[in-house]
Amino acid sequence: MINIEVKASENEKVANIIVQGDVTLRWVGEIKAPLIDALKKYQEFKINFVNMTALDLAGVQTIIALKKSAKQEQKKITTLAELDENTEQLLINNGFSKLFDQEKE
């Protein structure tokens, strides 16, 4: 299961997006629409992946595509994540060490 929450700043230019749960093929469709809407609506956004229970290649691809789209639109995106040691090492070993801008503490 996945939960996504979008909170906008008062000036409506910055969005804080919280994604919780599985970022996997099964749920990626549920997060794509709100993330694409945020990309269209806001100049800057931060995506916090918290309590991520699973991450698969579809989730990785979705995050990469979103970051590329933001760059093309000249918008600022920051991705933060709470990763367990195994997931972090898996991303590093497979060339995705820069998927998240930093770990959320």
C-alpha atoms as a PDB file:
ATOM      1  CA  MET A   1       0.000   0.000   0.000  1.00  0.00           C
ATOM      2  CA  ILE A   2       1.080   3.572  -0.603  1.00  0.00           C
ATOM      3  CA  ASN A   3       0.057   6.929   0.805  1.00  0.00           C
ATOM      4  CA  ILE A   4       0.901  10.281  -0.746  1.00  0.00           C
ATOM      5  CA  GLU A   5       0.269  13.698   0.753  1.00  0.00           C
ATOM      6  CA  VAL A   6       0.967  17.053  -0.921  1.00  0.00           C
ATOM      7  CA  LYS A   7       1.306  20.170   1.228  1.00  0.00           C
ATOM      8  CA  ALA A   8       1.769  23.532  -0.478  1.00  0.00           C
ATOM      9  CA  SER A   9       3.456  26.626   0.884  1.00  0.00           C
ATOM     10  CA  GLU A  10       1.405  29.766   1.448  1.00  0.00           C
ATOM     11  CA  ASN A  11       2.635  31.307  -1.791  1.00  0.00           C
ATOM     12  CA  GLU A  12       1.772  28.090  -3.691  1.00  0.00           C
ATOM     13  CA  LYS A  13       5.236  27.855  -5.254  1.00  0.00           C
ATOM     14  CA  VAL A  14       6.729  25.141  -3.070  1.00  0.00           C
ATOM     15  CA  ALA A  15       5.253  21.729  -2.347  1.00  0.00           C
ATOM     16  CA  ASN A  16       6.299  19.221   0.275  1.00  0.00           C
ATOM     17  CA  ILE A  17       5.266  15.744  -0.757  1.00  0.00           C
ATOM     18  CA  ILE A  18       5.302  12.826   1.654  1.00  0.00           C
ATOM     19  CA  VAL A  19       5.258   9.319   0.199  1.00  0.00           C
ATOM     20  CA  GLN A  20       4.818   6.371   2.567  1.00  0.00           C
ATOM     21  CA  GLY A  21       4.728   2.672   1.831  1.00  0.00           C
ATOM     22  CA  ASP A  22       5.635   0.551  -1.179  1.00  0.00           C
ATOM     23  CA  VAL A  23       7.211   2.351  -4.124  1.00  0.00           C
ATOM     24  CA  THR A  24       6.761  -0.626  -6.415  1.00  0.00           C
ATOM     25  CA  LEU A  25       5.185  -1.608  -9.715  1.00  0.00           C
ATOM     26  CA  ARG A  26       1.945  -2.418  -7.951  1.00  0.00           C
ATOM     27  CA  TRP A  27       1.580   1.099  -6.530  1.00  0.00           C
ATOM     28  CA  VAL A  28       3.615   3.313  -8.876  1.00  0.00           C
ATOM     29  CA  GLY A  29       0.494   4.270 -10.823  1.00  0.00           C
ATOM     30  CA  GLU A  30      -0.972   5.721  -7.640  1.00  0.00           C
ATOM     31  CA  ILE A  31       1.941   8.088  -7.085  1.00  0.00           C
ATOM     32  CA  LYS A  32       2.561   9.126 -10.686  1.00  0.00           C
ATOM     33  CA  ALA A  33      -0.497  11.359 -11.089  1.00  0.00           C
ATOM     34  CA  PRO A  34      -0.003  13.439  -7.904  1.00  0.00           C
ATOM     35  CA  LEU A  35       3.710  13.804  -8.668  1.00  0.00           C
ATOM     36  CA  ILE A  36       3.054  14.915 -12.248  1.00  0.00           C
ATOM     37  CA  ASP A  37       0.416  17.375 -10.984  1.00  0.00           C
ATOM     38  CA  ALA A  38       2.952  18.785  -8.526  1.00  0.00           C
ATOM     39  CA  LEU A  39       5.499  19.123 -11.314  1.00  0.00           C
ATOM     40  CA  LYS A  40       3.032  21.187 -13.342  1.00  0.00           C
ATOM     41  CA  LYS A  41       1.809  23.331 -10.460  1.00  0.00           C
ATOM     42  CA  TYR A  42       4.878  24.148  -8.348  1.00  0.00           C
ATOM     43  CA  GLN A  43       8.274  25.691  -9.045  1.00  0.00           C
ATOM     44  CA  GLU A  44       9.979  23.723  -6.310  1.00  0.00           C
ATOM     45  CA  PHE A  45       9.154  20.567  -4.475  1.00  0.00           C
ATOM     46  CA  LYS A  46      10.600  18.192  -1.944  1.00  0.00           C
ATOM     47  CA  ILE A  47       9.610  14.567  -1.916  1.00  0.00           C
ATOM     48  CA  ASN A  48      10.107  12.752   1.372  1.00  0.00           C
ATOM     49  CA  PHE A  49       9.964   8.977   1.146  1.00  0.00           C
ATOM     50  CA  VAL A  50       9.249   7.847   4.700  1.00  0.00           C
ATOM     51  CA  ASN A  51       8.500   4.390   6.034  1.00  0.00           C
ATOM     52  CA  MET A  52       9.286   3.004   2.586  1.00  0.00           C
ATOM     53  CA  THR A  53       8.520  -0.671   2.940  1.00  0.00           C
ATOM     54  CA  ALA A  54       9.610  -1.661  -0.580  1.00  0.00           C
ATOM     55  CA  LEU A  55      11.323  -0.164  -3.609  1.00  0.00           C
ATOM     56  CA  ASP A  56      11.630  -1.919  -6.961  1.00  0.00           C
ATOM     57  CA  LEU A  57      12.847  -1.016 -10.439  1.00  0.00           C
ATOM     58  CA  ALA A  58       9.499   0.552 -11.409  1.00  0.00           C
ATOM     59  CA  GLY A  59       9.763   2.836  -8.374  1.00  0.00           C
ATOM     60  CA  VAL A  60      13.362   3.731  -9.229  1.00  0.00           C
ATOM     61  CA  GLN A  61      12.391   4.493 -12.836  1.00  0.00           C
ATOM     62  CA  THR A  62       9.495   6.685 -11.722  1.00  0.00           C
ATOM     63  CA  ILE A  63      11.762   8.741  -9.462  1.00  0.00           C
ATOM     64  CA  ILE A  64      14.394   9.102 -12.203  1.00  0.00           C
ATOM     65  CA  ALA A  65      11.768  10.151 -14.763  1.00  0.00           C
ATOM     66  CA  LEU A  66      10.324  12.716 -12.371  1.00  0.00           C
ATOM     67  CA  LYS A  67      13.759  14.187 -11.683  1.00  0.00           C
ATOM     68  CA  LYS A  68      14.500  14.403 -15.428  1.00  0.00           C
ATOM     69  CA  SER A  69      11.150  16.070 -16.101  1.00  0.00           C
ATOM     70  CA  ALA A  70      11.758  18.606 -13.330  1.00  0.00           C
ATOM     71  CA  LYS A  71      15.169  19.425 -14.786  1.00  0.00           C
ATOM     72  CA  GLN A  72      13.684  19.894 -18.273  1.00  0.00           C
ATOM     73  CA  GLU A  73      11.016  22.188 -16.822  1.00  0.00           C
ATOM     74  CA  GLN A  74      13.739  24.079 -14.904  1.00  0.00           C
ATOM     75  CA  LYS A  75      12.111  23.304 -11.583  1.00  0.00           C
ATOM     76  CA  LYS A  76      13.853  22.409  -8.364  1.00  0.00           C
ATOM     77  CA  ILE A  77      13.268  18.956  -6.923  1.00  0.00           C
ATOM     78  CA  THR A  78      14.753  17.419  -3.814  1.00  0.00           C
ATOM     79  CA  THR A  79      14.270  13.763  -2.929  1.00  0.00           C
ATOM     80  CA  LEU A  80      14.831  12.550   0.602  1.00  0.00           C
ATOM     81  CA  ALA A  81      14.523   9.017   1.905  1.00  0.00           C
ATOM     82  CA  GLU A  82      14.780   6.908   4.989  1.00  0.00           C
ATOM     83  CA  LEU A  83      16.592   3.834   3.697  1.00  0.00           C
ATOM     84  CA  ASP A  84      17.525   0.717   5.550  1.00  0.00           C
ATOM     85  CA  GLU A  85      21.113  -0.418   5.122  1.00  0.00           C
ATOM     86  CA  ASN A  86      20.249  -3.217   2.658  1.00  0.00           C
ATOM     87  CA  THR A  87      18.232  -0.959   0.349  1.00  0.00           C
ATOM     88  CA  GLU A  88      20.893   1.717   0.434  1.00  0.00           C
ATOM     89  CA  GLN A  89      23.595  -0.812  -0.446  1.00  0.00           C
ATOM     90  CA  LEU A  90      21.451  -2.296  -3.220  1.00  0.00           C
ATOM     91  CA  LEU A  91      21.025   1.148  -4.803  1.00  0.00           C
ATOM     92  CA  ILE A  92      24.763   1.817  -4.576  1.00  0.00           C
ATOM     93  CA  ASN A  93      25.672  -1.573  -6.043  1.00  0.00           C
ATOM     94  CA  ASN A  94      23.357  -1.022  -9.007  1.00  0.00           C
ATOM     95  CA  GLY A  95      24.427   2.500  -9.881  1.00  0.00           C
ATOM     96  CA  PHE A  96      21.557   4.385  -8.265  1.00  0.00           C
ATOM     97  CA  SER A  97      23.495   6.009  -5.426  1.00  0.00           C
ATOM     98  CA  LYS A  98      22.285   9.480  -6.496  1.00  0.00           C
ATOM     99  CA  LEU A  99      18.609   8.541  -6.714  1.00  0.00           C
ATOM    100  CA  PHE A 100      17.964  10.357  -3.473  1.00  0.00           C
ATOM    101  CA  ASP A 101      19.607  13.701  -2.818  1.00  0.00           C
ATOM    102  CA  GLN A 102      20.189  12.771   0.786  1.00  0.00           C
ATOM    103  CA  GLU A 103      18.918  10.533   3.481  1.00  0.00           C
ATOM    104  CA  LYS A 104      16.298  12.001   5.715  1.00  0.00           C
ATOM    105  CA  GLU A 105      17.307  11.807   9.330  1.00  0.00           C
END
